[in-house]
């Protein structure tokens, strides 16, 4: 079982393989996270799917506070190394065995630029596994047939985090199709409600997923769930 804490938007803290993995920390700029103190967040690794500010805003502060290692694409890791932060660079299709498990960097259809305008490389997602479980953090992405490769190349997914807010990413309908592509029935929704343009009707989302036999979880900010 894996403990997953939701810090709003696309930010999750996941306890996995004896380590704390923080994904896409955008907290201080999110009005829904006003009760979250980033100085109280502990992380061993910070995994960044792409360079947009709403995914990397607090990565530098948390990395310097915790001495966490950043895992991302080559361009993003190089940018943070220039700030004195250690990192492990990856690129699409590659995988690496870390002390908590295996990380595979997979395709995402989106864009990527760092907050100061620096090129952020190609956006991606992460499939992470060890002997106990396997999960997929899709990052910001459209629906793509590349998702069908995940069940072929990786262990069976225990759960996945998919964006459902539409406009900038997949919406509810496409996320349901993505669940089928990746052959996963346990989904955590993300990238919704942060801004008016990506607000969703939660009941509509829950009903739509349930009608396809998919368990959709929409945790509250700061809530920890176990999967």
Protein backbone atom coordinates (compact mmCIF):
# COMPACT_ATOMS: atom_id res chain seq x y z
CA UNK A 1 0.00 0.00 0.00
CA UNK A 2 1.19 3.51 -0.83
CA UNK A 3 0.49 6.72 1.10
CA UNK A 4 -0.36 9.61 -1.21
CA UNK A 5 -0.78 13.19 0.04
CA UNK A 6 -2.39 15.73 -2.29
CA UNK A 7 -1.05 19.28 -2.19
CA UNK A 8 -3.33 20.70 -4.86
CA UNK A 9 -3.18 21.11 -8.64
CA UNK A 10 -0.72 18.39 -9.78
CA UNK A 11 1.38 18.17 -6.60
CA UNK A 12 1.58 14.89 -4.70
CA UNK A 13 3.85 13.61 -1.94
CA UNK A 14 4.16 9.84 -2.25
CA UNK A 15 5.83 7.55 0.26
CA UNK A 16 7.33 4.81 -1.86
CA UNK A 17 10.16 2.35 -1.36
CA UNK A 18 11.14 3.98 1.92
CA UNK A 19 11.54 7.43 0.32
CA UNK A 20 9.38 10.53 -0.04
CA UNK A 21 8.74 11.53 -3.64
CA UNK A 22 7.32 15.01 -4.28
CA UNK A 23 5.79 15.69 -7.69
CA UNK A 24 5.33 19.07 -9.39
CA UNK A 25 5.26 21.39 -6.34
CA UNK A 26 3.04 24.41 -7.02
CA UNK A 27 1.79 25.36 -3.56
CA UNK A 28 2.59 28.95 -2.57
CA UNK A 29 0.98 30.25 -5.76
CA UNK A 30 -2.19 28.21 -5.31
CA UNK A 31 -4.96 29.90 -3.32
CA UNK A 32 -6.43 26.49 -2.53
CA UNK A 33 -3.22 25.62 -0.62
CA UNK A 34 -3.06 28.61 1.72
CA UNK A 35 -2.97 26.31 4.77
CA UNK A 36 0.02 24.31 3.47
CA UNK A 37 3.46 25.36 4.80
CA UNK A 38 6.12 24.27 2.32
CA UNK A 39 8.72 24.47 5.09
CA UNK A 40 7.00 21.50 6.72
CA UNK A 41 7.23 19.31 3.61
CA UNK A 42 9.96 16.67 3.66
CA UNK A 43 11.16 15.14 0.41
CA UNK A 44 13.99 12.88 -0.73
CA UNK A 45 13.29 13.42 -4.43
CA UNK A 46 11.39 16.06 -6.40
CA UNK A 47 10.07 14.83 -9.73
CA UNK A 48 9.13 17.47 -12.30
CA UNK A 49 7.07 16.55 -15.37
CA UNK A 50 7.78 19.82 -17.21
CA UNK A 51 8.92 23.39 -16.68
CA UNK A 52 5.73 25.43 -16.35
CA UNK A 53 5.51 27.59 -13.24
CA UNK A 54 2.38 25.81 -12.01
CA UNK A 55 4.50 22.67 -11.69
CA UNK A 56 7.89 23.93 -10.50
CA UNK A 57 7.18 27.09 -8.46
CA UNK A 58 8.29 25.69 -5.09
CA UNK A 59 10.81 23.11 -6.28
CA UNK A 60 13.87 25.27 -5.61
CA UNK A 61 12.85 26.27 -2.09
CA UNK A 62 11.88 22.74 -1.07
CA UNK A 63 14.99 21.21 -2.64
CA UNK A 64 17.26 23.62 -0.79
CA UNK A 65 15.36 23.07 2.45
CA UNK A 66 15.43 19.25 2.25
CA UNK A 67 18.49 18.55 0.08
CA UNK A 68 16.20 16.59 -2.23
CA UNK A 69 17.40 15.41 -5.63
CA UNK A 70 15.45 16.65 -8.65
CA UNK A 71 14.46 14.09 -11.28
CA UNK A 72 13.34 15.47 -14.62
CA UNK A 73 14.43 15.86 -18.21
CA UNK A 74 17.97 16.95 -19.07
CA UNK A 75 17.11 20.60 -19.66
CA UNK A 76 15.22 21.08 -16.40
CA UNK A 77 17.81 19.27 -14.30
CA UNK A 78 20.58 21.35 -15.90
CA UNK A 79 18.68 24.55 -15.06
CA UNK A 80 18.42 23.54 -11.39
CA UNK A 81 22.03 22.40 -11.26
CA UNK A 82 22.90 25.97 -12.22
CA UNK A 83 21.18 26.98 -8.99
CA UNK A 84 23.30 24.56 -6.96
CA UNK A 85 20.64 21.84 -6.72
CA UNK A 86 21.58 18.23 -7.46
CA UNK A 87 19.57 16.30 -9.99
CA UNK A 88 19.27 13.20 -12.11
CA UNK A 89 18.48 13.89 -15.80
CA UNK A 90 16.31 11.58 -17.91
CA UNK A 91 14.71 11.59 -21.32
CA UNK A 92 11.84 9.89 -23.12
CA UNK A 93 11.91 6.11 -23.16
CA UNK A 94 14.70 5.86 -20.61
CA UNK A 95 14.48 4.23 -17.21
CA UNK A 96 16.76 4.17 -14.18
CA UNK A 97 16.95 2.14 -10.98
CA UNK A 98 16.89 4.42 -7.93
CA UNK A 99 17.07 3.38 -4.28
CA UNK A 100 13.25 3.45 -4.06
CA UNK A 101 12.45 1.71 -7.35
CA UNK A 102 12.57 2.05 -11.12
CA UNK A 103 11.57 5.29 -12.86
CA UNK A 104 10.65 5.36 -16.55
CA UNK A 105 10.23 8.73 -18.28
CA UNK A 106 7.34 8.51 -20.75
CA UNK A 107 5.72 10.73 -23.34
CA UNK A 108 3.35 13.61 -22.65
CA UNK A 109 1.72 15.90 -25.22
CA UNK A 110 1.98 19.42 -23.86
CA UNK A 111 4.51 22.31 -23.87
CA UNK A 112 7.34 23.25 -21.52
CA UNK A 113 9.23 26.41 -20.67
CA UNK A 114 10.85 27.36 -17.37
CA UNK A 115 9.66 30.42 -15.41
CA UNK A 116 12.45 32.69 -16.69
CA UNK A 117 11.80 31.74 -20.32
CA UNK A 118 14.53 29.09 -20.53
CA UNK A 119 13.71 26.16 -22.82
CA UNK A 120 12.28 23.39 -20.65
CA UNK A 121 12.80 20.41 -22.92
CA UNK A 122 10.00 18.04 -23.82
CA UNK A 123 7.29 17.43 -21.23
CA UNK A 124 6.86 13.93 -19.87
CA UNK A 125 5.30 11.66 -17.32
CA UNK A 126 6.69 9.06 -14.93
CA UNK A 127 5.95 5.37 -14.45
CA UNK A 128 7.46 4.19 -11.17
CA UNK A 129 7.59 0.70 -9.75
CA UNK A 130 9.19 -1.68 -7.27
CA UNK A 131 8.34 -5.19 -6.12
CA UNK A 132 5.20 -3.99 -4.34
CA UNK A 133 3.42 -1.71 -6.80
CA UNK A 134 3.55 0.42 -9.93
CA UNK A 135 2.01 3.83 -10.60
CA UNK A 136 1.82 6.41 -13.39
CA UNK A 137 2.05 10.18 -12.97
CA UNK A 138 0.88 11.46 -16.33
CA UNK A 139 1.82 15.11 -15.90
CA UNK A 140 0.08 17.61 -18.17
CA UNK A 141 -0.91 15.80 -21.31
CA UNK A 142 -3.45 15.30 -24.02
CA UNK A 143 -4.76 11.83 -24.71
CA UNK A 144 -2.15 9.98 -26.74
CA UNK A 145 -1.84 6.49 -28.19
CA UNK A 146 1.63 6.33 -26.59
CA UNK A 147 -0.21 5.55 -23.36
CA UNK A 148 -0.98 2.12 -24.81
CA UNK A 149 2.73 1.29 -24.54
CA UNK A 150 2.71 1.59 -20.74
CA UNK A 151 1.03 -1.80 -20.06
CA UNK A 152 3.37 -3.37 -22.61
CA UNK A 153 6.64 -1.95 -21.28
CA UNK A 154 5.92 -1.61 -17.54
CA UNK A 155 4.45 -3.73 -14.74
CA UNK A 156 0.68 -3.66 -14.26
CA UNK A 157 -0.37 -0.31 -12.80
CA UNK A 158 -1.76 -0.22 -9.28
CA UNK A 159 -3.05 3.33 -9.82
CA UNK A 160 -2.48 6.44 -11.92
CA UNK A 161 -2.80 10.22 -11.54
CA UNK A 162 -4.40 11.80 -14.61
CA UNK A 163 -5.24 15.44 -15.39
CA UNK A 164 -8.99 15.98 -15.81
CA UNK A 165 -9.46 19.76 -15.87
CA UNK A 166 -9.62 20.20 -19.66
CA UNK A 167 -8.53 23.36 -21.55
CA UNK A 168 -4.77 22.86 -20.91
CA UNK A 169 -4.87 19.04 -20.63
CA UNK A 170 -7.22 16.12 -21.05
CA UNK A 171 -10.74 16.57 -19.82
CA UNK A 172 -12.95 14.00 -18.13
CA UNK A 173 -13.91 12.10 -21.30
CA UNK A 174 -10.33 11.78 -22.53
CA UNK A 175 -9.08 10.78 -19.07
CA UNK A 176 -11.58 7.93 -19.06
CA UNK A 177 -10.19 6.80 -22.42
CA UNK A 178 -6.66 7.13 -21.02
CA UNK A 179 -7.64 4.83 -18.15
CA UNK A 180 -8.53 2.22 -20.75
CA UNK A 181 -5.31 2.76 -22.70
CA UNK A 182 -3.17 2.26 -19.58
CA UNK A 183 -5.40 -0.60 -18.32
CA UNK A 184 -5.91 0.95 -14.89
CA UNK A 185 -9.14 1.12 -12.88
CA UNK A 186 -7.85 3.22 -9.96
CA UNK A 187 -7.40 6.88 -10.88
CA UNK A 188 -6.58 10.02 -8.92
CA UNK A 189 -7.68 13.19 -10.67
CA UNK A 190 -5.44 16.25 -10.79
CA UNK A 191 -4.95 19.57 -12.60
CA UNK A 192 -8.47 20.81 -11.91
CA UNK A 193 -10.20 23.60 -9.88
CA UNK A 194 -6.97 25.60 -9.38
CA UNK A 195 -8.12 28.32 -11.78
CA UNK A 196 -11.64 29.16 -12.97
CA UNK A 197 -10.84 27.94 -16.50
CA UNK A 198 -10.19 24.38 -15.25
CA UNK A 199 -12.95 24.08 -12.65
CA UNK A 200 -14.95 20.87 -12.85
CA UNK A 201 -18.21 19.49 -11.49
CA UNK A 202 -16.99 16.77 -9.16
CA UNK A 203 -20.24 14.85 -9.19
CA UNK A 204 -20.25 14.77 -12.98
CA UNK A 205 -16.67 13.50 -12.99
CA UNK A 206 -17.35 10.80 -10.40
CA UNK A 207 -20.47 9.61 -12.23
CA UNK A 208 -18.70 9.51 -15.60
CA UNK A 209 -15.82 7.41 -14.28
CA UNK A 210 -18.08 5.12 -12.25
CA UNK A 211 -20.22 4.44 -15.33
CA UNK A 212 -17.10 2.92 -16.92
CA UNK A 213 -16.23 0.86 -13.85
CA UNK A 214 -13.34 3.14 -12.86
CA UNK A 215 -12.68 4.27 -9.29
CA UNK A 216 -11.95 8.03 -9.38
CA UNK A 217 -10.54 9.65 -6.27
CA UNK A 218 -10.57 13.44 -5.83
CA UNK A 219 -8.78 14.03 -2.50
CA UNK A 220 -9.00 17.32 -0.62
CA UNK A 221 -5.91 19.53 -0.43
CA UNK A 222 -3.72 18.18 2.35
CA UNK A 223 -5.56 14.85 2.48
CA UNK A 224 -3.61 11.58 2.55
CA UNK A 225 -5.09 8.51 0.92
CA UNK A 226 -3.74 4.96 0.70
CA UNK A 227 -3.76 2.85 -2.45
